[in-house]
N, C-alpha and C. Protein backbone atom coordinates (compact mmCIF):
# COMPACT_ATOMS: atom_id res chain seq x y z
N MET A 1 184.57 -58.60 -136.84
CA MET A 1 183.61 -57.87 -137.73
C MET A 1 184.01 -56.47 -137.94
N MET A 2 184.43 -55.89 -136.89
CA MET A 2 184.78 -54.42 -136.92
C MET A 2 185.95 -54.28 -137.82
N GLY A 3 186.87 -55.29 -137.75
CA GLY A 3 188.02 -55.23 -138.56
C GLY A 3 187.73 -55.25 -140.13
N TYR A 4 186.70 -56.06 -140.53
CA TYR A 4 186.34 -55.95 -141.90
C TYR A 4 185.68 -54.71 -142.31
N LEU A 5 185.02 -54.02 -141.50
CA LEU A 5 184.43 -52.80 -141.70
C LEU A 5 185.59 -51.67 -141.94
N VAL A 6 186.56 -51.63 -140.95
CA VAL A 6 187.58 -50.75 -141.21
C VAL A 6 188.36 -50.97 -142.44
N GLY A 7 188.64 -52.32 -142.67
CA GLY A 7 189.35 -52.62 -143.93
C GLY A 7 188.48 -52.13 -145.26
N ALA A 8 187.31 -52.36 -145.14
CA ALA A 8 186.37 -52.02 -146.33
C ALA A 8 186.43 -50.36 -146.58
N GLY A 9 186.35 -49.70 -145.35
CA GLY A 9 186.46 -48.37 -145.36
C GLY A 9 187.70 -47.74 -146.07
N VAL A 10 188.65 -48.39 -145.47
CA VAL A 10 190.06 -47.85 -146.07
C VAL A 10 190.14 -48.19 -147.44
N LEU A 11 189.71 -49.40 -148.07
CA LEU A 11 189.71 -49.62 -149.39
C LEU A 11 188.72 -48.67 -150.18
N ALA A 12 187.62 -48.36 -149.74
CA ALA A 12 186.71 -47.32 -150.35
C ALA A 12 187.50 -46.12 -150.38
N MET A 13 188.13 -45.62 -149.37
CA MET A 13 188.80 -44.29 -149.37
C MET A 13 190.00 -44.35 -150.41
N ALA A 14 190.67 -45.50 -150.52
CA ALA A 14 191.77 -45.50 -151.51
C ALA A 14 191.25 -45.50 -152.84
N LEU A 15 190.13 -46.14 -153.10
CA LEU A 15 189.49 -46.25 -154.43
C LEU A 15 189.02 -44.72 -154.82
N VAL A 16 188.42 -44.10 -154.03
CA VAL A 16 187.88 -42.66 -154.27
C VAL A 16 189.24 -41.86 -154.44
N TRP A 17 190.32 -42.04 -153.84
CA TRP A 17 191.54 -41.29 -153.90
C TRP A 17 192.08 -41.63 -155.40
N TYR A 18 191.93 -42.85 -155.79
CA TYR A 18 192.61 -43.26 -156.96
C TYR A 18 191.93 -42.55 -158.20
N VAL A 19 190.51 -42.44 -158.16
CA VAL A 19 189.71 -42.02 -159.23
C VAL A 19 189.54 -40.54 -159.29
N VAL A 20 189.69 -39.72 -158.20
CA VAL A 20 189.39 -38.38 -158.29
C VAL A 20 190.47 -37.69 -159.03
N THR A 21 190.00 -36.76 -159.87
CA THR A 21 191.05 -36.01 -160.75
C THR A 21 190.75 -34.55 -160.65
N ARG A 22 191.78 -33.77 -161.04
CA ARG A 22 191.51 -32.36 -161.18
C ARG A 22 191.38 -32.05 -162.62
N ARG A 23 190.95 -30.98 -163.08
CA ARG A 23 190.83 -30.67 -164.58
C ARG A 23 191.05 -29.22 -164.75
N SER A 24 191.65 -28.91 -165.88
CA SER A 24 191.89 -27.58 -166.15
C SER A 24 191.84 -27.28 -167.68
N GLU A 25 191.44 -26.27 -168.17
CA GLU A 25 191.45 -25.89 -169.57
C GLU A 25 192.69 -25.07 -169.73
N VAL A 26 193.40 -25.32 -170.93
CA VAL A 26 194.44 -24.68 -171.38
C VAL A 26 194.40 -24.43 -172.82
N ARG A 27 195.31 -23.48 -173.41
CA ARG A 27 195.37 -23.25 -174.74
C ARG A 27 196.51 -24.06 -175.29
N CYS A 28 196.44 -24.62 -176.55
CA CYS A 28 197.36 -25.44 -177.10
C CYS A 28 197.53 -25.03 -178.67
N THR A 29 198.67 -25.58 -179.19
CA THR A 29 198.90 -25.57 -180.63
C THR A 29 198.96 -26.86 -181.05
N VAL A 30 198.17 -27.35 -182.16
CA VAL A 30 198.18 -28.65 -182.72
C VAL A 30 198.83 -28.70 -184.07
N ASP A 31 199.81 -29.47 -184.26
CA ASP A 31 200.75 -29.45 -185.49
C ASP A 31 200.28 -30.84 -186.27
N LEU A 32 199.62 -30.89 -187.22
CA LEU A 32 199.41 -31.85 -188.09
C LEU A 32 200.10 -31.95 -189.41
N GLU A 33 200.66 -33.21 -189.64
CA GLU A 33 201.35 -33.40 -191.00
C GLU A 33 200.99 -34.75 -191.57
N ALA A 34 200.58 -34.68 -192.82
CA ALA A 34 200.37 -35.96 -193.66
C ALA A 34 201.07 -35.75 -194.87
N THR A 35 202.32 -36.20 -194.83
CA THR A 35 203.31 -36.19 -196.15
C THR A 35 203.86 -37.49 -196.28
N HIS A 36 204.46 -37.57 -197.32
CA HIS A 36 205.24 -38.78 -197.74
C HIS A 36 206.26 -39.15 -196.66
N ASP A 37 206.88 -38.11 -196.10
CA ASP A 37 208.19 -38.21 -195.20
C ASP A 37 207.42 -38.33 -193.67
N HIS A 38 206.37 -37.70 -193.37
CA HIS A 38 206.03 -37.72 -192.10
C HIS A 38 204.48 -37.92 -191.88
N PHE A 39 204.07 -38.51 -190.91
CA PHE A 39 202.56 -38.58 -190.52
C PHE A 39 202.58 -38.43 -189.23
N HIS A 40 202.05 -37.28 -188.75
CA HIS A 40 202.06 -37.15 -187.15
C HIS A 40 200.94 -35.98 -186.77
N ALA A 41 200.68 -36.09 -185.52
CA ALA A 41 199.78 -35.04 -184.86
C ALA A 41 200.43 -34.91 -183.55
N HIS A 42 200.94 -33.58 -183.42
CA HIS A 42 201.71 -33.12 -182.14
C HIS A 42 200.98 -32.05 -181.31
N VAL A 43 200.87 -32.08 -180.10
CA VAL A 43 200.11 -30.94 -179.44
C VAL A 43 201.15 -30.38 -178.48
N ASP A 44 201.28 -28.97 -178.48
CA ASP A 44 201.87 -28.31 -177.44
C ASP A 44 201.11 -27.68 -176.63
N LEU A 45 200.99 -27.93 -175.28
CA LEU A 45 200.29 -27.22 -174.21
C LEU A 45 200.99 -26.05 -173.74
N ASP A 46 200.21 -25.06 -173.55
CA ASP A 46 200.85 -23.71 -173.23
C ASP A 46 200.97 -23.75 -171.79
N GLY A 47 202.30 -23.93 -171.13
CA GLY A 47 202.67 -23.93 -169.92
C GLY A 47 202.09 -24.99 -168.90
N VAL A 48 202.03 -26.18 -169.56
CA VAL A 48 201.60 -27.23 -168.78
C VAL A 48 202.34 -28.51 -169.09
N ASN A 49 202.93 -29.23 -168.06
CA ASN A 49 203.59 -30.44 -168.18
C ASN A 49 202.73 -31.46 -167.74
N VAL A 50 202.72 -32.63 -168.68
CA VAL A 50 201.99 -33.66 -168.46
C VAL A 50 202.69 -34.77 -167.82
N ASP A 51 202.24 -35.45 -166.69
CA ASP A 51 202.80 -36.26 -165.88
C ASP A 51 202.16 -37.67 -166.09
N PRO A 52 202.83 -38.70 -165.62
CA PRO A 52 202.26 -40.10 -165.76
C PRO A 52 201.01 -40.04 -165.13
N GLY A 53 199.93 -40.75 -165.88
CA GLY A 53 198.64 -40.93 -165.40
C GLY A 53 197.66 -39.81 -165.85
N ASP A 54 198.30 -38.64 -166.33
CA ASP A 54 197.47 -37.58 -166.72
C ASP A 54 196.72 -37.96 -168.13
N ALA A 55 195.66 -37.26 -168.34
CA ALA A 55 195.00 -37.51 -169.58
C ALA A 55 194.71 -36.07 -170.32
N VAL A 56 194.74 -35.93 -171.64
CA VAL A 56 194.55 -34.67 -172.30
C VAL A 56 193.57 -34.91 -173.47
N LEU A 57 192.50 -33.98 -173.39
CA LEU A 57 191.61 -34.09 -174.48
C LEU A 57 191.58 -32.73 -175.27
N VAL A 58 191.93 -32.75 -176.46
CA VAL A 58 192.03 -31.66 -177.34
C VAL A 58 190.81 -31.29 -178.04
N HIS A 59 190.34 -30.18 -178.04
CA HIS A 59 188.84 -29.72 -178.51
C HIS A 59 188.99 -28.87 -179.90
N ASN A 60 188.07 -29.12 -180.87
CA ASN A 60 187.86 -28.40 -182.01
C ASN A 60 189.22 -28.42 -182.97
N THR A 61 189.62 -29.56 -183.12
CA THR A 61 190.64 -29.76 -184.34
C THR A 61 190.13 -30.68 -185.41
N PRO A 62 190.56 -30.58 -186.63
CA PRO A 62 190.04 -31.45 -187.69
C PRO A 62 190.37 -32.86 -187.37
N SER A 63 189.57 -33.83 -187.93
CA SER A 63 190.00 -35.25 -187.69
C SER A 63 190.82 -35.58 -188.89
N ARG A 64 191.14 -34.89 -189.98
CA ARG A 64 192.00 -35.34 -190.95
C ARG A 64 192.21 -34.03 -191.84
N ILE A 65 193.44 -34.09 -192.49
CA ILE A 65 193.83 -33.17 -193.37
C ILE A 65 194.29 -33.75 -194.71
N PRO A 66 194.21 -32.98 -195.84
CA PRO A 66 194.59 -33.68 -197.07
C PRO A 66 196.04 -34.14 -197.18
N PHE A 67 196.19 -35.29 -197.77
CA PHE A 67 197.70 -35.84 -197.89
C PHE A 67 198.48 -34.79 -198.65
N GLY A 68 199.67 -34.76 -198.09
CA GLY A 68 200.67 -33.89 -198.72
C GLY A 68 200.62 -32.48 -198.06
N THR A 69 200.00 -32.32 -196.99
CA THR A 69 199.91 -30.87 -196.27
C THR A 69 200.35 -30.88 -194.96
N THR A 70 200.73 -29.77 -194.44
CA THR A 70 201.16 -29.59 -192.96
C THR A 70 200.40 -28.32 -192.52
N GLU A 71 199.69 -28.51 -191.35
CA GLU A 71 198.81 -27.48 -190.93
C GLU A 71 199.08 -27.36 -189.47
N LYS A 72 198.90 -26.07 -188.88
CA LYS A 72 198.85 -25.86 -187.49
C LYS A 72 197.56 -25.13 -186.99
N PHE A 73 197.06 -25.47 -185.94
CA PHE A 73 195.79 -25.04 -185.27
C PHE A 73 195.97 -24.41 -183.94
N GLU A 74 195.34 -23.46 -183.49
CA GLU A 74 195.23 -22.93 -182.18
C GLU A 74 194.02 -23.55 -181.57
N SER A 75 194.02 -24.07 -180.45
CA SER A 75 192.89 -24.66 -179.89
C SER A 75 192.94 -24.74 -178.38
N THR A 76 192.08 -25.32 -177.76
CA THR A 76 192.08 -25.50 -176.28
C THR A 76 192.11 -27.06 -176.02
N ALA A 77 192.48 -27.35 -174.77
CA ALA A 77 192.61 -28.71 -174.30
C ALA A 77 192.25 -28.79 -172.87
N THR A 78 191.62 -29.99 -172.45
CA THR A 78 191.32 -30.16 -171.04
C THR A 78 192.34 -31.21 -170.53
N VAL A 79 193.02 -30.84 -169.56
CA VAL A 79 194.05 -31.65 -168.96
C VAL A 79 193.46 -32.18 -167.65
N TYR A 80 193.40 -33.62 -167.61
CA TYR A 80 192.91 -34.24 -166.33
C TYR A 80 194.06 -34.75 -165.55
N ARG A 81 194.19 -34.13 -164.35
CA ARG A 81 195.45 -34.60 -163.46
C ARG A 81 195.10 -35.86 -162.76
N ALA A 82 195.94 -36.88 -162.78
CA ALA A 82 195.82 -37.92 -161.93
C ALA A 82 196.21 -37.63 -160.46
N SER A 83 195.48 -38.47 -159.71
CA SER A 83 195.73 -38.33 -158.21
C SER A 83 197.14 -39.01 -157.96
N TRP A 84 197.73 -38.53 -156.77
CA TRP A 84 198.93 -39.01 -156.25
C TRP A 84 198.97 -40.64 -156.41
N LEU A 85 197.94 -41.28 -155.92
CA LEU A 85 197.92 -42.63 -155.87
C LEU A 85 197.91 -43.34 -157.23
N LYS A 86 197.21 -42.72 -158.20
CA LYS A 86 197.05 -43.27 -159.58
C LYS A 86 198.41 -42.93 -160.34
N ARG A 87 199.07 -41.88 -159.93
CA ARG A 87 200.45 -41.61 -160.56
C ARG A 87 201.40 -42.56 -160.12
N GLN A 88 201.38 -42.84 -158.90
CA GLN A 88 202.40 -43.95 -158.40
C GLN A 88 201.98 -45.32 -158.96
N MET A 89 200.71 -45.68 -159.19
CA MET A 89 200.39 -46.98 -159.80
C MET A 89 200.86 -46.99 -161.15
N VAL A 90 200.65 -45.86 -161.87
CA VAL A 90 201.19 -45.81 -163.22
C VAL A 90 202.60 -45.98 -163.39
N ARG A 91 203.34 -45.35 -162.51
CA ARG A 91 204.87 -45.41 -162.49
C ARG A 91 205.25 -46.85 -162.27
N MET A 92 204.52 -47.58 -161.38
CA MET A 92 204.87 -48.93 -161.01
C MET A 92 204.56 -49.86 -161.90
N PHE A 93 203.34 -49.74 -162.62
CA PHE A 93 203.00 -50.71 -163.67
C PHE A 93 203.00 -50.35 -164.96
N GLY A 94 203.40 -49.16 -165.22
CA GLY A 94 203.33 -48.44 -166.64
C GLY A 94 204.22 -49.17 -167.74
N SER A 95 205.18 -49.73 -167.28
CA SER A 95 206.13 -50.41 -168.28
C SER A 95 205.44 -51.73 -168.84
N THR A 96 204.32 -52.18 -168.12
CA THR A 96 203.68 -53.32 -168.67
C THR A 96 202.50 -53.09 -169.56
N GLU A 97 202.25 -51.79 -169.66
CA GLU A 97 201.11 -51.19 -170.37
C GLU A 97 201.56 -50.35 -171.57
N ILE A 98 202.54 -50.68 -172.28
CA ILE A 98 203.18 -49.89 -173.15
C ILE A 98 202.29 -49.72 -174.46
N SER A 99 201.38 -50.64 -174.63
CA SER A 99 200.35 -50.57 -175.66
C SER A 99 199.51 -49.25 -175.48
N ALA A 100 199.28 -48.84 -174.34
CA ALA A 100 198.54 -47.61 -174.13
C ALA A 100 198.99 -46.57 -174.98
N LEU A 101 200.22 -46.51 -175.24
CA LEU A 101 200.79 -45.35 -176.10
C LEU A 101 200.24 -45.42 -177.46
N TYR A 102 199.74 -46.53 -177.93
CA TYR A 102 199.32 -46.62 -179.28
C TYR A 102 197.72 -46.35 -179.50
N GLU A 103 197.16 -45.90 -178.38
CA GLU A 103 195.68 -45.63 -178.53
C GLU A 103 195.43 -44.35 -178.98
N VAL A 104 195.90 -43.94 -180.25
CA VAL A 104 195.65 -42.70 -180.86
C VAL A 104 194.82 -43.08 -182.05
N GLY A 105 193.63 -42.34 -182.27
CA GLY A 105 192.77 -42.55 -183.29
C GLY A 105 192.51 -41.28 -184.05
N PHE A 106 192.31 -41.44 -185.40
CA PHE A 106 191.98 -40.40 -186.24
C PHE A 106 190.53 -40.93 -186.85
N GLU A 107 189.61 -40.19 -186.32
CA GLU A 107 188.19 -40.58 -186.75
C GLU A 107 187.74 -39.64 -187.82
N GLY A 108 186.79 -40.04 -188.69
CA GLY A 108 186.32 -38.97 -189.71
C GLY A 108 184.92 -39.37 -190.18
């Protein structure tokens, strides 16, 4: 019985370690282009490298621009840093979840 309790405690601690993140606010530049040749949204974070498992939320940028235009915006972003355990899991299983790269949306 004691072994199950210890195992459950270790599992609970690993789960907490997996989901705990650190966050920071950074300045960023958002480059949007909607032309015949290119259609992209690119974000440059000032002084921050994004690692596997990290998440970035960009604030106060337009959801669309007129076709045929290229625009740059200065904004802020929140970077959510993955825990060491989550980073290792993403590195181990990340190649099987390539579709996560396509979860980009333009809402309007």
